[in-house]
Amino acid sequence: MVMEWVRGKCVGKGAFGTVHAAVDSATGGVFAVKSVDAKSAPAAAMACLESEIRILKRLSSPYVVAYLGDDGTGAATRSLHMELVPGGTAAEAAAASGGLREGGARGVLRRVAAALQYLHDVAGVVHGDVKGRNVLVGCDCDGAKLADFGAARLLSDATVPRGPRGTPAWMAPEVARGAAPTQSSDVWSLGCTAVELLTGKRPWSEFGGACEVSELLFLIGFGGKRPELSACLSDSCRDFLDKCLRRDAGERWSCEQLQRHPFLSADARDACEPSPSPSPRAVLDWAASTSDSDSDESDVPEEDGVEHEVMARAKGRLAELASNASWRREWEEGPTSAVDTWAPQVSPDTVTNASPTPTTPVGPPVQTAAVTASSSSSSPEASVIAVTATVVL
């Protein structure tokens, strides 16, 4: 039986797809619809959506956004129906308050760690793009759920995607060097998400917002460092981050171990604090727009993500960096005044093995933009990252 539904306001938008709130015409139930135009979207974008549908169908966890259905493969617009989590993203909550206190961050991270343990140990899935913008929150952090499985993969899949997958600033060193995402790389991304929630800023922000994708991949993959931590963190929080952010993937704790860490296992009563995100809007507001036009784009803040011109320069820039001994020494010694005074330009966004497009994605997630990267060598001197922009919504 085909469900009839009314499309509401746009809550997320990218180059090839959108996420709208929607209402079931028969029951009045509210859900989210991620849609991609099957005619205009590149094959790689469609493949990512099909993969996300296939993976979400397998999952059943209170810590993961729920699959509610899809419209079938024959439609002109391919749509995925999901649980709507109306409170925005954890990244937005952290940015709005300049960083969550440890109690507030703990409540979100506890649920993300539980989601990852379920994915890794029960479902056999690697998420591949753990970050604050892919963690959706309800009225408080007790409702946090992991979302956006466009970069996820089944461990049982014989074909492993080539090149880095995920979002550079949250990407594990081995993934930045070209290895396939694993359970351990999800743990590194969890640590980066913790840094993001505690500071309200993306990891590696100490190196400036104008750092190009190729530079950032090189820094993470070969720099020998970890994201900068706030000086005011508790010893327990610092130790938790240390267990996540070990550059050797084999030394990172599993998500099962992390859930028993004193930082996450602290009294649950201090785990939540009021979310600075807007309270959920009324169902009538969500369903206010029944037009096929996306006139609500202005409600979605512009993403501070990918600029296609930056992607086009990345290949040559990384080759230059890999052979620049003085630049590498500068990175190994930490940020300098030259780095700190970079003018704001763009921030790198999601990376996956998709095909190129000249379109610049905009809008916050619910789901996010994507960028392509592939590595021709594992050595820093020979590594050349070819980066192009596309979107996985």
Protein backbone atom coordinates (compact mmCIF):
# COMPACT_ATOMS: atom_id res chain seq x y z
CA MET A 1 0.00 0.00 0.00
CA VAL A 2 1.42 3.38 -1.03
CA MET A 3 1.33 6.00 1.72
CA GLU A 4 -0.10 9.40 0.83
CA TRP A 5 1.66 12.29 2.49
CA VAL A 6 1.84 16.08 2.45
CA ARG A 7 5.23 17.72 2.17
CA GLY A 8 6.02 20.39 4.77
CA LYS A 9 8.88 22.80 5.24
CA CYS A 10 12.38 22.18 3.92
CA VAL A 11 14.67 21.34 6.84
CA GLY A 12 17.79 20.50 4.84
CA LYS A 13 19.03 21.03 1.30
CA GLY A 14 22.00 20.07 -0.87
CA ALA A 15 22.95 20.18 -4.53
CA PHE A 16 20.96 17.10 -5.53
CA GLY A 17 18.40 16.53 -2.82
CA THR A 18 16.36 17.94 0.01
CA VAL A 19 14.99 16.88 3.38
CA HIS A 20 11.46 17.99 4.20
CA ALA A 21 9.16 17.49 7.12
CA ALA A 22 6.06 15.61 6.00
CA VAL A 23 2.68 14.54 7.33
CA ASP A 24 0.95 11.21 6.66
CA SER A 25 -2.42 12.18 5.17
CA ALA A 26 -4.19 9.20 6.73
CA THR A 27 -2.79 9.22 10.26
CA GLY A 28 -1.41 12.74 10.75
CA GLY A 29 1.96 11.24 11.68
CA VAL A 30 4.97 13.49 11.12
CA PHE A 31 8.20 12.21 9.57
CA ALA A 32 11.17 13.34 7.48
CA VAL A 33 11.57 12.72 3.75
CA LYS A 34 14.95 12.78 2.04
CA SER A 35 14.43 13.14 -1.72
CA VAL A 36 16.74 12.99 -4.73
CA ASP A 37 15.70 13.71 -8.31
CA ALA A 38 16.42 10.45 -10.10
CA LYS A 39 16.73 12.20 -13.48
CA SER A 40 19.15 15.01 -12.65
CA ALA A 41 21.26 13.55 -9.82
CA PRO A 42 24.54 11.82 -10.76
CA ALA A 43 24.69 8.06 -10.48
CA ALA A 44 26.99 8.24 -7.45
CA ALA A 45 24.49 10.37 -5.49
CA MET A 46 21.72 7.89 -6.28
CA ALA A 47 23.96 5.01 -5.28
CA CYS A 48 24.63 6.63 -1.91
CA LEU A 49 20.91 7.07 -1.26
CA GLU A 50 20.21 3.48 -2.27
CA SER A 51 22.98 2.32 0.06
CA GLU A 52 21.56 4.40 2.89
CA ILE A 53 18.10 2.89 2.36
CA ARG A 54 19.54 -0.62 2.28
CA ILE A 55 21.47 -0.07 5.52
CA LEU A 56 18.73 1.75 7.43
CA LYS A 57 16.31 -1.09 6.66
CA ARG A 58 18.57 -3.41 8.67
CA LEU A 59 18.78 -1.20 11.75
CA SER A 60 16.59 -1.05 14.84
CA SER A 61 18.00 0.95 17.74
CA PRO A 62 16.67 3.75 19.95
CA TYR A 63 19.98 5.53 19.29
CA VAL A 64 19.66 5.55 15.47
CA VAL A 65 17.16 7.51 13.38
CA ALA A 66 14.49 5.04 12.29
CA TYR A 67 13.71 3.95 8.73
CA LEU A 68 9.99 4.33 7.97
CA GLY A 69 9.87 3.38 4.31
CA ASP A 70 10.68 4.56 0.81
CA ASP A 71 8.82 5.18 -2.42
CA GLY A 72 10.32 2.39 -4.50
CA THR A 73 12.91 2.50 -7.26
CA GLY A 74 10.63 3.41 -10.17
CA ALA A 75 9.67 6.93 -9.11
CA ALA A 76 11.06 10.05 -10.75
CA THR A 77 12.00 11.34 -7.30
CA ARG A 78 13.58 8.73 -5.03
CA SER A 79 12.58 9.32 -1.41
CA LEU A 80 13.61 7.89 1.92
CA HIS A 81 11.13 8.23 4.80
CA MET A 82 12.67 8.56 8.26
CA GLU A 83 11.82 9.42 11.81
CA LEU A 84 11.74 13.19 12.32
CA VAL A 85 13.85 14.40 15.24
CA PRO A 86 12.74 18.03 15.53
CA GLY A 87 15.30 19.67 17.82
CA GLY A 88 18.03 20.33 15.26
CA THR A 89 21.57 18.95 15.40
CA ALA A 90 23.99 18.57 18.27
CA ALA A 91 26.45 20.76 16.34
CA GLU A 92 23.91 23.59 16.20
CA ALA A 93 23.22 23.26 19.91
CA ALA A 94 26.92 23.42 20.75
CA ALA A 95 27.63 26.33 18.40
CA ALA A 96 24.67 28.33 19.75
CA SER A 97 26.05 28.21 23.30
CA GLY A 98 29.76 28.38 22.49
CA GLY A 99 30.16 24.75 23.53
CA LEU A 100 28.21 22.49 25.85
CA ARG A 101 29.27 21.90 29.42
CA GLU A 102 30.64 18.44 30.11
CA GLY A 103 27.31 17.23 31.50
CA GLY A 104 25.43 18.26 28.37
CA ALA A 105 28.06 16.81 26.03
CA ARG A 106 28.10 13.59 28.04
CA GLY A 107 24.40 13.02 27.46
CA VAL A 108 24.82 13.25 23.69
CA LEU A 109 28.09 11.28 23.53
CA ARG A 110 26.70 8.48 25.67
CA ARG A 111 23.95 7.90 23.11
CA VAL A 112 26.27 8.21 20.11
CA ALA A 113 28.64 5.67 21.67
CA ALA A 114 25.70 3.33 22.25
CA ALA A 115 24.60 3.81 18.62
CA LEU A 116 28.10 2.98 17.39
CA GLN A 117 28.35 -0.11 19.58
CA TYR A 118 25.08 -1.34 18.11
CA LEU A 119 26.28 -0.62 14.56
CA HIS A 120 29.67 -2.25 15.08
CA ASP A 121 28.80 -5.28 17.22
CA VAL A 122 25.22 -6.10 16.20
CA ALA A 123 24.51 -4.70 12.74
CA GLY A 124 27.99 -5.02 11.22
CA VAL A 125 27.97 -1.44 9.96
CA VAL A 126 30.60 1.32 9.93
CA HIS A 127 28.97 4.75 9.93
CA GLY A 128 31.88 6.55 8.27
CA ASP A 129 30.77 10.15 8.99
CA VAL A 130 30.24 10.64 12.73
CA LYS A 131 30.03 14.35 13.60
CA GLY A 132 27.79 16.75 15.47
CA ARG A 133 25.79 17.66 12.36
CA ASN A 134 24.83 13.99 11.95
CA VAL A 135 23.55 13.73 15.51
CA LEU A 136 19.92 14.88 15.75
CA VAL A 137 18.47 15.94 19.07
CA GLY A 138 14.94 16.07 20.45
CA CYS A 139 13.82 18.40 23.20
CA ASP A 140 16.93 17.49 25.22
CA CYS A 141 20.08 15.42 24.83
CA ASP A 142 18.30 12.25 26.02
CA GLY A 143 16.69 12.16 22.58
CA ALA A 144 19.92 12.29 20.54
CA LYS A 145 20.05 9.92 17.58
CA LEU A 146 22.73 9.16 15.02
CA ALA A 147 21.63 9.95 11.44
CA ASP A 148 22.86 10.24 7.84
CA PHE A 149 24.14 6.88 6.64
CA GLY A 150 25.14 8.08 3.18
CA ALA A 151 28.81 7.26 3.83
CA ALA A 152 28.12 4.06 5.81
CA ARG A 153 29.11 0.60 4.67
CA LEU A 154 28.43 -2.98 5.69
CA LEU A 155 31.48 -4.81 6.99
CA SER A 156 30.32 -7.85 5.01
CA ASP A 157 30.54 -5.98 1.69
CA ALA A 158 33.32 -7.43 -0.41
CA THR A 159 33.82 -4.16 -2.30
CA VAL A 160 35.53 -1.50 -0.20
CA PRO A 161 35.14 2.09 -1.45
CA ARG A 162 38.37 3.70 -2.64
CA GLY A 163 39.67 6.96 -1.23
CA PRO A 164 38.77 8.89 1.92
CA ARG A 165 35.15 8.80 3.07
CA GLY A 166 33.65 11.05 5.71
CA THR A 167 34.23 14.68 6.63
CA PRO A 168 37.90 15.79 6.75
CA ALA A 169 37.90 17.54 10.13
CA TRP A 170 36.37 14.46 11.80
CA MET A 171 38.31 11.93 9.73
CA ALA A 172 40.69 9.43 11.33
CA PRO A 173 44.37 9.62 10.25
CA GLU A 174 44.30 6.25 8.48
CA VAL A 175 41.17 7.27 6.53
CA ALA A 176 42.77 10.59 5.56
CA ARG A 177 45.63 8.52 4.13
CA GLY A 178 43.18 6.54 1.97
CA ALA A 179 42.24 3.50 4.07
CA ALA A 180 38.63 2.34 4.29
CA PRO A 181 36.66 3.47 7.36
CA THR A 182 36.51 0.93 10.19
CA GLN A 183 35.02 0.68 13.66
CA SER A 184 38.19 2.30 15.02
CA SER A 185 37.88 5.23 12.63
CA ASP A 186 34.32 5.78 13.90
CA VAL A 187 35.81 5.97 17.41
CA TRP A 188 38.27 8.70 16.32
CA SER A 189 35.33 10.59 14.80
CA LEU A 190 33.46 10.19 18.08
CA GLY A 191 36.40 11.86 19.84
CA CYS A 192 36.35 14.69 17.29
CA THR A 193 32.61 15.05 17.86
CA ALA A 194 33.30 15.34 21.59
CA VAL A 195 35.76 18.17 20.88
CA GLU A 196 33.13 19.84 18.70
CA LEU A 197 30.40 19.62 21.33
CA LEU A 198 32.65 20.84 24.15
CA THR A 199 34.01 23.83 22.21
CA GLY A 200 31.22 24.69 19.79
CA LYS A 201 33.81 24.61 17.00
CA ARG A 202 34.86 22.02 14.46
CA PRO A 203 38.00 20.00 15.28
CA TRP A 204 41.27 21.47 14.00
CA SER A 205 39.75 24.97 14.04
CA GLU A 206 43.04 26.17 15.56
CA PHE A 207 44.50 26.00 12.04
CA GLY A 208 42.07 28.48 10.57
CA GLY A 209 38.85 28.32 8.60
CA ALA A 210 40.59 28.80 5.23
CA CYS A 211 42.51 25.52 5.40
CA GLU A 212 41.87 23.74 2.11
CA VAL A 213 40.60 20.16 2.00
CA SER A 214 43.91 18.87 0.65
CA GLU A 215 45.86 20.64 3.41
CA LEU A 216 43.58 19.33 6.12
CA LEU A 217 43.76 15.74 4.85
CA PHE A 218 47.54 15.99 4.79
CA LEU A 219 47.68 17.46 8.30
CA ILE A 220 45.43 14.79 9.75
CA GLY A 221 46.99 11.90 7.88
CA PHE A 222 50.67 12.73 8.35
CA GLY A 223 50.96 15.53 10.91
CA GLY A 224 51.34 13.30 13.96
CA LYS A 225 49.02 15.47 16.07
CA ARG A 226 45.52 15.42 17.52
CA PRO A 227 42.86 18.15 17.63
CA GLU A 228 43.50 20.85 20.20
CA LEU A 229 41.66 20.39 23.52
CA SER A 230 40.25 23.03 25.81
CA ALA A 231 42.39 23.78 28.87
CA CYS A 232 39.44 23.65 31.25
CA LEU A 233 38.38 20.01 30.74
CA SER A 234 38.20 17.62 33.67
CA ASP A 235 40.74 14.81 33.98
CA SER A 236 38.00 12.27 33.27
CA CYS A 237 36.99 14.05 30.06
CA ARG A 238 40.59 14.37 28.92
CA ASP A 239 41.16 10.67 29.50
CA PHE A 240 38.03 9.80 27.52
CA LEU A 241 39.29 11.91 24.61
CA ASP A 242 42.69 10.25 24.86
CA LYS A 243 41.08 6.82 24.48
CA CYS A 244 39.29 7.99 21.31
CA LEU A 245 41.98 10.14 19.69
CA ARG A 246 44.91 7.75 19.51
CA ARG A 247 46.56 8.03 16.13
CA ASP A 248 47.29 4.30 16.09
CA ALA A 249 43.89 2.78 15.31
CA GLY A 250 44.77 -0.41 17.17
CA GLU A 251 45.20 1.53 20.44
CA ARG A 252 41.75 3.15 20.44
CA TRP A 253 39.13 1.83 22.78
CA SER A 254 36.05 0.10 21.42
CA CYS A 255 32.65 1.70 21.90
CA GLU A 256 31.78 -1.02 24.39
CA GLN A 257 34.81 -0.05 26.48
CA LEU A 258 34.08 3.66 26.11
CA GLN A 259 30.58 3.26 27.53
CA ARG A 260 32.17 1.96 30.72
CA HIS A 261 34.64 4.85 30.87
CA PRO A 262 34.10 7.04 33.97
CA PHE A 263 33.31 10.06 31.81
CA LEU A 264 30.36 8.40 30.05
CA SER A 265 29.28 6.19 32.94
CA ALA A 266 28.94 9.13 35.35
CA ASP A 267 25.57 9.62 37.03
CA ALA A 268 23.00 9.98 34.25
CA ARG A 269 21.22 12.68 36.23
CA ASP A 270 23.90 15.21 35.27
CA ALA A 271 23.96 14.14 31.64
CA CYS A 272 21.49 16.62 30.23
CA GLU A 273 21.12 20.34 30.24
CA PRO A 274 18.49 22.38 28.40
CA SER A 275 19.16 22.50 24.68
CA PRO A 276 19.67 25.94 23.15
CA SER A 277 18.04 24.63 19.98
CA PRO A 278 14.61 26.02 19.09
CA SER A 279 11.71 24.07 20.51
CA PRO A 280 9.89 21.78 18.04
CA ARG A 281 7.61 23.65 15.68
CA ALA A 282 3.92 22.81 15.41
CA VAL A 283 2.84 20.15 12.95
CA LEU A 284 0.81 22.77 11.09
CA ASP A 285 3.99 24.83 10.65
CA TRP A 286 5.88 21.81 9.33
CA ALA A 287 3.09 21.07 6.89
CA ALA A 288 2.53 24.69 5.87
CA SER A 289 4.20 24.33 2.48
CA THR A 290 2.49 21.94 0.06
CA SER A 291 4.09 23.41 -3.06
CA ASP A 292 6.77 21.59 -5.01
CA SER A 293 8.94 24.70 -4.94
CA ASP A 294 11.71 25.10 -2.36
CA SER A 295 10.75 28.61 -1.33
CA ASP A 296 11.83 27.85 2.25
CA GLU A 297 15.51 27.77 1.42
CA SER A 298 16.04 31.04 3.28
CA ASP A 299 15.06 29.25 6.50
CA VAL A 300 18.12 27.05 6.14
CA PRO A 301 21.41 28.75 7.06
CA GLU A 302 24.04 28.56 4.39
CA GLU A 303 26.52 25.77 4.94
CA ASP A 304 30.06 26.86 5.74
CA GLY A 305 31.26 24.00 3.60
CA VAL A 306 32.47 23.25 0.13
CA GLU A 307 33.40 25.69 -2.62
CA HIS A 308 33.98 23.96 -5.95
CA GLU A 309 36.93 26.20 -6.81
CA VAL A 310 38.75 25.02 -3.70
CA MET A 311 38.14 21.39 -4.64
CA ALA A 312 39.54 21.97 -8.09
CA ARG A 313 42.81 23.32 -6.63
CA ALA A 314 43.22 20.55 -4.08
CA LYS A 315 45.15 18.02 -6.17
CA GLY A 316 48.01 20.32 -7.02
CA ARG A 317 48.03 21.89 -3.57
CA LEU A 318 48.47 18.59 -1.78
CA ALA A 319 51.34 17.58 -4.06
CA GLU A 320 52.99 20.91 -3.26
CA LEU A 321 52.50 20.43 0.48
CA ALA A 322 53.82 16.89 0.42
CA SER A 323 57.13 18.12 -0.99
CA ASN A 324 57.40 21.27 1.11
CA ALA A 325 59.74 20.42 3.96
CA SER A 326 59.51 23.83 5.65
CA TRP A 327 55.71 23.71 5.68
CA ARG A 328 55.81 20.23 7.19
CA ARG A 329 58.17 21.41 9.95
CA GLU A 330 55.78 24.28 10.64
CA TRP A 331 52.90 21.84 11.05
CA GLU A 332 54.89 19.54 13.34
CA GLU A 333 55.77 22.51 15.54
CA GLY A 334 52.11 23.60 15.78
CA PRO A 335 50.17 26.68 14.66
CA THR A 336 52.15 29.81 13.86
CA SER A 337 51.13 33.41 13.42
CA ALA A 338 51.00 32.89 9.66
CA VAL A 339 48.50 30.06 10.09
CA ASP A 340 46.50 31.91 12.73
CA THR A 341 46.01 34.95 10.48
CA TRP A 342 44.57 33.10 7.51
CA ALA A 343 41.53 35.02 6.27
CA PRO A 344 38.17 33.21 6.51
CA GLN A 345 37.32 31.67 3.18
CA VAL A 346 35.73 28.22 3.21
CA SER A 347 35.69 25.18 5.43
CA PRO A 348 36.13 21.63 4.06
CA ASP A 349 33.10 19.40 4.22
CA THR A 350 32.08 15.83 3.70
CA VAL A 351 34.24 13.50 1.62
CA THR A 352 33.01 10.38 -0.11
CA ASN A 353 33.83 8.50 -3.29
CA ALA A 354 31.26 10.25 -5.48
CA SER A 355 31.50 11.81 -8.91
CA PRO A 356 32.23 15.49 -9.58
CA THR A 357 29.70 18.27 -10.00
CA PRO A 358 30.13 22.04 -10.29
CA THR A 359 27.28 22.73 -7.89
CA THR A 360 27.99 24.12 -4.42
CA PRO A 361 25.82 22.51 -1.71
CA VAL A 362 24.08 24.70 0.83
CA GLY A 363 22.03 24.25 3.96
CA PRO A 364 22.48 22.51 7.28
CA PRO A 365 21.96 18.83 7.66
CA VAL A 366 19.67 16.86 8.71
CA GLN A 367 21.91 15.46 5.85
CA THR A 368 25.00 17.02 4.33
CA ALA A 369 27.18 17.78 1.33
CA ALA A 370 29.81 15.42 0.00
CA VAL A 371 33.20 15.71 -1.63
CA THR A 372 35.26 13.14 -3.54
CA ALA A 373 38.82 12.18 -2.71
CA SER A 374 41.16 9.41 -3.74
CA SER A 375 44.73 8.66 -2.75
CA SER A 376 47.39 7.48 -5.15
CA SER A 377 49.90 6.50 -2.46
CA SER A 378 50.21 5.96 1.27
CA SER A 379 53.49 7.85 1.58
CA PRO A 380 53.36 11.57 2.37
CA GLU A 381 55.83 12.46 -0.36
CA ALA A 382 53.86 10.75 -3.11
CA SER A 383 50.29 11.26 -1.89
CA VAL A 384 48.10 13.19 -4.26
CA ILE A 385 44.48 13.73 -3.31
CA ALA A 386 42.08 14.46 -6.16
CA VAL A 387 39.08 16.24 -4.71
CA THR A 388 35.84 17.16 -6.42
CA ALA A 389 32.49 18.25 -5.04
CA THR A 390 29.14 16.50 -5.03
CA VAL A 391 26.38 15.85 -2.53
CA VAL A 392 25.06 12.91 -0.61
CA LEU A 393 21.83 13.82 1.11
